[in-house]
Amino acid sequence: MQVIEIVNFIHVKKNIMNIQKRKKSTIWPFLLAGGIFISGIIYIIYLIFAVVDDFTDSSFRFTTPCNEVSVQLEAGKYTIYYEYKTYFEDIYFDTGETINGLKLDIKDKINNEEVAVKNSAVNASYTNSNGSGVSVLDFEIEKPGEYVISSSFVDNKHEKVVLNIGKAMGWGFINSIFGIIGIFLGSIVISVLVAIFGAKWEKKRNSELNV
C-alpha cells in the first residue's frame, strides 16, 4: 500500500512539473514579442533625439536689432525662427509670441550679393531645451560660404529679441518622421506575429510530446 502511494505521489509530482514546464515554455513567445516591441520603442526614441539634435546643431542664434553678424552657411533652404521664450547668453527672454516690423538683410560676404528673404511658407513652431520659437522668414543659400546678416525693426524702440536660423524642415525631415512611424508600426506587426506563431508552434510541440 505504501509503495502504491509513493508511486502515485511521484506520478502526481511529475505531472505538476510537466504542467509548470508547459507554462514556462508557452511564455517565451510573448516575452520575445515584448522584447522586440520595447527594442523598437528605444530605437524610435534614439531616432527622435537624433533628428532634434541635427536640427539644433545646424542652428545659429543671435539677437536683433543688430548691426551685423557673420555666419557660415551651407547650400540649402533655411528658416528664421523667432524665439519668444528662451535663454541666450545668460539672459532670459520672454518677449511675446508675435513679432512685427522685422527687417532682415542677408548678403554674401565676398561679393556682397543679396539673398532673397521672404515670409515663412509654413507656420512652424517648436519647444526644446533652448526655449520656444515660431517660424517667421525663409531664405535659400545657393553657394556655401560666409554671409553677413543685419537686422532692425520699423519701430526703432523695439525691444531686443532672439532669432534662430535653422535648416528648413523639408523632405529630409518629413522622410525621417515617416521612417520613425514605419519602425513603430513594424515593431508592432513583428511583435504580434512572433507572439501568435510562437504560441502556436509551442502548443503544437507540447501536444506532440504528450502523444
C-alpha atoms as a PDB file:
ATOM      1  CA  MET A   1       0.000   0.000   0.000  1.00  0.00           C
ATOM      2  CA  GLN A   2       2.805   2.356   0.913  1.00  0.00           C
ATOM      3  CA  VAL A   3       4.612   1.588  -2.333  1.00  0.00           C
ATOM      4  CA  ILE A   4       1.478   2.447  -4.356  1.00  0.00           C
ATOM      5  CA  GLU A   5       1.146   5.765  -2.527  1.00  0.00           C
ATOM      6  CA  ILE A   6       4.780   6.615  -3.233  1.00  0.00           C
ATOM      7  CA  VAL A   7       4.343   5.756  -6.933  1.00  0.00           C
ATOM      8  CA  ASN A   8       1.197   7.885  -7.090  1.00  0.00           C
ATOM      9  CA  PHE A   9       2.995  10.764  -5.363  1.00  0.00           C
ATOM     10  CA  ILE A  10       5.873  10.566  -7.844  1.00  0.00           C
ATOM     11  CA  HIS A  11       3.417  10.438 -10.742  1.00  0.00           C
ATOM     12  CA  VAL A  12       1.473  13.462  -9.458  1.00  0.00           C
ATOM     13  CA  LYS A  13       4.681  15.381  -8.855  1.00  0.00           C
ATOM     14  CA  LYS A  14       5.878  14.539 -12.367  1.00  0.00           C
ATOM     15  CA  ASN A  15       2.586  15.786 -13.811  1.00  0.00           C
ATOM     16  CA  ILE A  16       2.853  19.019 -11.856  1.00  0.00           C
ATOM     17  CA  MET A  17       6.414  19.558 -13.119  1.00  0.00           C
ATOM     18  CA  ASN A  18       5.297  18.904 -16.682  1.00  0.00           C
ATOM     19  CA  ILE A  19       2.478  21.422 -16.329  1.00  0.00           C
ATOM     20  CA  GLN A  20       4.919  24.000 -14.940  1.00  0.00           C
ATOM     21  CA  LYS A  21       7.311  23.334 -17.855  1.00  0.00           C
ATOM     22  CA  ARG A  22       4.489  23.804 -20.346  1.00  0.00           C
ATOM     23  CA  LYS A  23       3.506  27.083 -18.734  1.00  0.00           C
ATOM     24  CA  LYS A  24       7.083  28.330 -18.886  1.00  0.00           C
ATOM     25  CA  SER A  25       7.506  27.176 -22.492  1.00  0.00           C
ATOM     26  CA  THR A  26       4.329  28.957 -23.600  1.00  0.00           C
ATOM     27  CA  ILE A  27       5.506  32.254 -22.080  1.00  0.00           C
ATOM     28  CA  TRP A  28       8.674  32.706 -24.174  1.00  0.00           C
ATOM     29  CA  PRO A  29       6.894  33.835 -27.408  1.00  0.00           C
ATOM     30  CA  PHE A  30       5.224  36.671 -25.507  1.00  0.00           C
ATOM     31  CA  LEU A  31       8.454  37.626 -23.741  1.00  0.00           C
ATOM     32  CA  LEU A  32      10.278  37.692 -27.085  1.00  0.00           C
ATOM     33  CA  ALA A  33       7.472  39.744 -28.658  1.00  0.00           C
ATOM     34  CA  GLY A  34       7.600  42.197 -25.756  1.00  0.00           C
ATOM     35  CA  GLY A  35      11.384  42.462 -26.095  1.00  0.00           C
ATOM     36  CA  ILE A  36      11.100  43.217 -29.829  1.00  0.00           C
ATOM     37  CA  PHE A  37       8.476  45.906 -29.191  1.00  0.00           C
ATOM     38  CA  ILE A  38      10.485  47.541 -26.373  1.00  0.00           C
ATOM     39  CA  SER A  39      13.641  47.488 -28.541  1.00  0.00           C
ATOM     40  CA  GLY A  40      11.673  49.203 -31.310  1.00  0.00           C
ATOM     41  CA  ILE A  41      10.477  51.910 -28.908  1.00  0.00           C
ATOM     42  CA  ILE A  42      14.026  52.504 -27.613  1.00  0.00           C
ATOM     43  CA  TYR A  43      15.330  52.815 -31.184  1.00  0.00           C
ATOM     44  CA  ILE A  44      12.500  55.235 -32.062  1.00  0.00           C
ATOM     45  CA  ILE A  45      13.379  57.434 -29.049  1.00  0.00           C
ATOM     46  CA  TYR A  46      17.019  57.428 -30.220  1.00  0.00           C
ATOM     47  CA  LEU A  47      15.957  58.475 -33.750  1.00  0.00           C
ATOM     48  CA  ILE A  48      13.753  61.284 -32.396  1.00  0.00           C
ATOM     49  CA  PHE A  49      16.653  62.693 -30.364  1.00  0.00           C
ATOM     50  CA  ALA A  50      18.952  62.329 -33.409  1.00  0.00           C
ATOM     51  CA  VAL A  51      16.527  64.328 -35.603  1.00  0.00           C
ATOM     52  CA  VAL A  52      16.155  67.033 -32.934  1.00  0.00           C
ATOM     53  CA  ASP A  53      19.925  67.192 -32.379  1.00  0.00           C
ATOM     54  CA  ASP A  54      20.517  67.529 -36.126  1.00  0.00           C
ATOM     55  CA  PHE A  55      18.103  70.474 -36.221  1.00  0.00           C
ATOM     56  CA  THR A  56      19.641  72.063 -33.092  1.00  0.00           C
ATOM     57  CA  ASP A  57      23.265  71.560 -34.176  1.00  0.00           C
ATOM     58  CA  SER A  58      22.650  73.274 -37.523  1.00  0.00           C
ATOM     59  CA  SER A  59      21.134  76.376 -35.914  1.00  0.00           C
ATOM     60  CA  PHE A  60      22.650  79.820 -35.358  1.00  0.00           C
ATOM     61  CA  ARG A  61      21.170  82.146 -32.741  1.00  0.00           C
ATOM     62  CA  PHE A  62      21.603  85.892 -32.405  1.00  0.00           C
ATOM     63  CA  THR A  63      19.799  88.913 -31.010  1.00  0.00           C
ATOM     64  CA  THR A  64      18.127  91.626 -33.037  1.00  0.00           C
ATOM     65  CA  PRO A  65      18.229  94.543 -33.727  1.00  0.00           C
ATOM     66  CA  CYS A  66      21.894  94.133 -34.626  1.00  0.00           C
ATOM     67  CA  ASN A  67      24.316  95.910 -36.912  1.00  0.00           C
ATOM     68  CA  GLU A  68      25.988  92.878 -38.492  1.00  0.00           C
ATOM     69  CA  VAL A  69      26.662  89.253 -37.634  1.00  0.00           C
ATOM     70  CA  SER A  70      28.624  86.768 -39.741  1.00  0.00           C
ATOM     71  CA  VAL A  71      27.609  83.124 -40.130  1.00  0.00           C
ATOM     72  CA  GLN A  72      28.938  80.222 -42.177  1.00  0.00           C
ATOM     73  CA  LEU A  73      26.083  78.652 -44.183  1.00  0.00           C
ATOM     74  CA  GLU A  74      25.887  75.562 -46.361  1.00  0.00           C
ATOM     75  CA  ALA A  75      23.841  75.430 -49.548  1.00  0.00           C
ATOM     76  CA  GLY A  76      20.189  74.713 -48.833  1.00  0.00           C
ATOM     77  CA  LYS A  77      16.911  76.130 -47.565  1.00  0.00           C
ATOM     78  CA  TYR A  78      16.738  77.866 -44.186  1.00  0.00           C
ATOM     79  CA  THR A  79      14.083  79.181 -41.847  1.00  0.00           C
ATOM     80  CA  ILE A  80      14.465  82.041 -39.379  1.00  0.00           C
ATOM     81  CA  TYR A  81      12.663  81.394 -36.106  1.00  0.00           C
ATOM     82  CA  TYR A  82      11.645  83.996 -33.561  1.00  0.00           C
ATOM     83  CA  GLU A  83      12.366  82.589 -30.096  1.00  0.00           C
ATOM     84  CA  TYR A  84       9.917  84.286 -27.760  1.00  0.00           C
ATOM     85  CA  LYS A  85      10.823  82.254 -24.656  1.00  0.00           C
ATOM     86  CA  THR A  86      14.485  81.349 -24.366  1.00  0.00           C
ATOM     87  CA  TYR A  87      17.782  81.693 -22.511  1.00  0.00           C
ATOM     88  CA  PHE A  88      20.538  83.313 -24.552  1.00  0.00           C
ATOM     89  CA  GLU A  89      23.922  84.486 -23.276  1.00  0.00           C
ATOM     90  CA  ASP A  90      22.758  84.012 -19.650  1.00  0.00           C
ATOM     91  CA  ILE A  91      19.706  86.240 -20.199  1.00  0.00           C
ATOM     92  CA  TYR A  92      16.109  85.013 -20.161  1.00  0.00           C
ATOM     93  CA  PHE A  93      13.921  86.434 -22.955  1.00  0.00           C
ATOM     94  CA  ASP A  94      10.118  86.359 -22.700  1.00  0.00           C
ATOM     95  CA  THR A  95       9.028  88.700 -25.491  1.00  0.00           C
ATOM     96  CA  GLY A  96       5.543  87.504 -26.529  1.00  0.00           C
ATOM     97  CA  GLU A  97       4.540  85.096 -29.289  1.00  0.00           C
ATOM     98  CA  THR A  98       4.144  87.693 -32.083  1.00  0.00           C
ATOM     99  CA  ILE A  99       6.759  89.858 -33.766  1.00  0.00           C
ATOM    100  CA  ASN A 100       6.044  92.865 -36.015  1.00  0.00           C
ATOM    101  CA  GLY A 101       8.119  95.121 -38.243  1.00  0.00           C
ATOM    102  CA  LEU A 102      11.206  92.911 -38.522  1.00  0.00           C
ATOM    103  CA  LYS A 103      13.605  93.867 -41.338  1.00  0.00           C
ATOM    104  CA  LEU A 104      16.406  91.458 -42.170  1.00  0.00           C
ATOM    105  CA  ASP A 105      19.106  91.540 -44.857  1.00  0.00           C
ATOM    106  CA  ILE A 106      21.484  88.697 -45.775  1.00  0.00           C
ATOM    107  CA  LYS A 107      24.491  89.279 -48.055  1.00  0.00           C
ATOM    108  CA  ASP A 108      27.366  87.173 -49.342  1.00  0.00           C
ATOM    109  CA  LYS A 109      30.464  88.482 -47.522  1.00  0.00           C
ATOM    110  CA  ILE A 110      32.735  88.074 -50.559  1.00  0.00           C
ATOM    111  CA  ASN A 111      30.728  89.583 -53.425  1.00  0.00           C
ATOM    112  CA  ASN A 112      28.113  91.482 -51.383  1.00  0.00           C
ATOM    113  CA  GLU A 113      25.330  89.689 -53.287  1.00  0.00           C
ATOM    114  CA  GLU A 114      21.990  89.925 -51.512  1.00  0.00           C
ATOM    115  CA  VAL A 115      19.949  86.834 -50.610  1.00  0.00           C
ATOM    116  CA  ALA A 116      16.176  86.955 -51.076  1.00  0.00           C
ATOM    117  CA  VAL A 117      14.298  86.732 -47.783  1.00  0.00           C
ATOM    118  CA  LYS A 118      10.547  86.062 -47.698  1.00  0.00           C
ATOM    119  CA  ASN A 119       7.844  85.328 -45.169  1.00  0.00           C
ATOM    120  CA  SER A 120       7.816  81.784 -43.873  1.00  0.00           C
ATOM    121  CA  ALA A 121       5.743  79.460 -46.083  1.00  0.00           C
ATOM    122  CA  VAL A 122       4.850  77.199 -43.141  1.00  0.00           C
ATOM    123  CA  ASN A 123       3.737  78.344 -39.707  1.00  0.00           C
ATOM    124  CA  ALA A 124       6.046  76.018 -37.779  1.00  0.00           C
ATOM    125  CA  SER A 125       6.682  76.177 -34.042  1.00  0.00           C
ATOM    126  CA  TYR A 126       8.838  74.220 -31.614  1.00  0.00           C
ATOM    127  CA  THR A 127       9.742  73.852 -27.958  1.00  0.00           C
ATOM    128  CA  ASN A 128      13.040  72.347 -26.801  1.00  0.00           C
ATOM    129  CA  SER A 129      15.648  72.762 -24.057  1.00  0.00           C
ATOM    130  CA  ASN A 130      16.689  76.136 -25.525  1.00  0.00           C
ATOM    131  CA  GLY A 131      13.167  77.575 -25.492  1.00  0.00           C
ATOM    132  CA  SER A 132      10.100  78.102 -27.672  1.00  0.00           C
ATOM    133  CA  GLY A 133      10.035  79.584 -31.155  1.00  0.00           C
ATOM    134  CA  VAL A 134       7.940  80.168 -34.259  1.00  0.00           C
ATOM    135  CA  SER A 135       8.983  80.463 -37.919  1.00  0.00           C
ATOM    136  CA  VAL A 136       8.901  83.966 -39.402  1.00  0.00           C
ATOM    137  CA  LEU A 137      11.141  84.094 -42.516  1.00  0.00           C
ATOM    138  CA  ASP A 138      12.591  81.759 -45.173  1.00  0.00           C
ATOM    139  CA  PHE A 139      15.624  82.047 -47.442  1.00  0.00           C
ATOM    140  CA  GLU A 140      17.765  79.822 -49.655  1.00  0.00           C
ATOM    141  CA  ILE A 141      21.544  79.680 -49.971  1.00  0.00           C
ATOM    142  CA  GLU A 142      22.813  78.579 -53.392  1.00  0.00           C
ATOM    143  CA  LYS A 143      26.552  78.761 -52.679  1.00  0.00           C
ATOM    144  CA  PRO A 144      28.117  77.734 -49.350  1.00  0.00           C
ATOM    145  CA  GLY A 145      30.192  80.388 -47.662  1.00  0.00           C
ATOM    146  CA  GLU A 146      30.213  83.192 -45.103  1.00  0.00           C
ATOM    147  CA  TYR A 147      27.217  85.512 -45.032  1.00  0.00           C
ATOM    148  CA  VAL A 148      26.562  88.783 -43.236  1.00  0.00           C
ATOM    149  CA  ILE A 149      23.197  89.351 -41.543  1.00  0.00           C
ATOM    150  CA  SER A 150      21.892  92.734 -40.490  1.00  0.00           C
ATOM    151  CA  SER A 151      18.522  93.246 -38.839  1.00  0.00           C
ATOM    152  CA  SER A 152      16.352  96.004 -37.481  1.00  0.00           C
ATOM    153  CA  PHE A 153      12.734  96.927 -36.709  1.00  0.00           C
ATOM    154  CA  VAL A 154      10.424  99.512 -38.225  1.00  0.00           C
ATOM    155  CA  ASP A 155       9.974 100.741 -34.668  1.00  0.00           C
ATOM    156  CA  ASN A 156      13.436 101.850 -33.556  1.00  0.00           C
ATOM    157  CA  LYS A 157      12.440 101.437 -29.900  1.00  0.00           C
ATOM    158  CA  HIS A 158      11.527  97.768 -30.297  1.00  0.00           C
ATOM    159  CA  GLU A 159      12.881  95.544 -27.530  1.00  0.00           C
ATOM    160  CA  LYS A 160      15.745  93.154 -28.233  1.00  0.00           C
ATOM    161  CA  VAL A 161      14.632  89.644 -29.274  1.00  0.00           C
ATOM    162  CA  VAL A 162      16.308  86.344 -30.149  1.00  0.00           C
ATOM    163  CA  LEU A 163      16.310  84.896 -33.683  1.00  0.00           C
ATOM    164  CA  ASN A 164      17.381  81.382 -34.641  1.00  0.00           C
ATOM    165  CA  ILE A 165      18.493  80.334 -38.137  1.00  0.00           C
ATOM    166  CA  GLY A 166      17.891  76.646 -38.775  1.00  0.00           C
ATOM    167  CA  LYS A 167      17.627  74.337 -41.747  1.00  0.00           C
ATOM    168  CA  ALA A 168      14.146  74.272 -43.208  1.00  0.00           C
ATOM    169  CA  MET A 169      12.078  71.210 -42.316  1.00  0.00           C
ATOM    170  CA  GLY A 170      11.854  69.915 -45.877  1.00  0.00           C
ATOM    171  CA  TRP A 171      11.638  66.436 -47.360  1.00  0.00           C
ATOM    172  CA  GLY A 172      14.538  65.167 -45.262  1.00  0.00           C
ATOM    173  CA  PHE A 173      12.659  65.964 -42.067  1.00  0.00           C
ATOM    174  CA  ILE A 174       9.404  64.508 -43.443  1.00  0.00           C
ATOM    175  CA  ASN A 175      11.213  61.321 -44.515  1.00  0.00           C
ATOM    176  CA  SER A 176      12.653  60.998 -41.009  1.00  0.00           C
ATOM    177  CA  ILE A 177       9.164  61.269 -39.485  1.00  0.00           C
ATOM    178  CA  PHE A 178       7.755  58.668 -41.900  1.00  0.00           C
ATOM    179  CA  GLY A 179      10.723  56.423 -41.117  1.00  0.00           C
ATOM    180  CA  ILE A 180      10.019  56.664 -37.378  1.00  0.00           C
ATOM    181  CA  ILE A 181       6.325  55.895 -37.930  1.00  0.00           C
ATOM    182  CA  GLY A 182       7.285  52.928 -40.156  1.00  0.00           C
ATOM    183  CA  ILE A 183       9.610  51.498 -37.494  1.00  0.00           C
ATOM    184  CA  PHE A 184       6.902  51.901 -34.830  1.00  0.00           C
ATOM    185  CA  LEU A 185       4.270  50.105 -36.940  1.00  0.00           C
ATOM    186  CA  GLY A 186       6.814  47.466 -37.989  1.00  0.00           C
ATOM    187  CA  SER A 187       7.756  46.690 -34.379  1.00  0.00           C
ATOM    188  CA  ILE A 188       4.058  46.230 -33.536  1.00  0.00           C
ATOM    189  CA  VAL A 189       3.454  43.882 -36.507  1.00  0.00           C
ATOM    190  CA  ILE A 190       6.593  41.802 -35.846  1.00  0.00           C
ATOM    191  CA  SER A 191       5.782  41.555 -32.118  1.00  0.00           C
ATOM    192  CA  VAL A 192       2.238  40.354 -32.811  1.00  0.00           C
ATOM    193  CA  LEU A 193       3.418  37.803 -35.409  1.00  0.00           C
ATOM    194  CA  VAL A 194       6.113  36.454 -33.071  1.00  0.00           C
ATOM    195  CA  ALA A 195       3.566  36.105 -30.250  1.00  0.00           C
ATOM    196  CA  ILE A 196       0.944  34.362 -32.434  1.00  0.00           C
ATOM    197  CA  PHE A 197       3.194  31.977 -34.389  1.00  0.00           C
ATOM    198  CA  GLY A 198       5.470  31.312 -31.404  1.00  0.00           C
ATOM    199  CA  ALA A 199       2.491  30.360 -29.232  1.00  0.00           C
ATOM    200  CA  LYS A 200       1.079  28.109 -31.998  1.00  0.00           C
ATOM    201  CA  TRP A 201       4.420  26.390 -32.521  1.00  0.00           C
ATOM    202  CA  GLU A 202       4.862  25.840 -28.781  1.00  0.00           C
ATOM    203  CA  LYS A 203       1.322  24.476 -28.450  1.00  0.00           C
ATOM    204  CA  LYS A 204       1.938  22.042 -31.317  1.00  0.00           C
ATOM    205  CA  ARG A 205       5.256  20.946 -29.804  1.00  0.00           C
ATOM    206  CA  ASN A 206       3.668  20.280 -26.410  1.00  0.00           C
ATOM    207  CA  SER A 207       0.840  18.279 -27.968  1.00  0.00           C
ATOM    208  CA  GLU A 208       3.385  16.103 -29.841  1.00  0.00           C
ATOM    209  CA  LEU A 209       5.297  15.467 -26.629  1.00  0.00           C
ATOM    210  CA  ASN A 210       2.124  14.329 -24.869  1.00  0.00           C
ATOM    211  CA  VAL A 211       1.290  11.773 -27.561  1.00  0.00           C
END
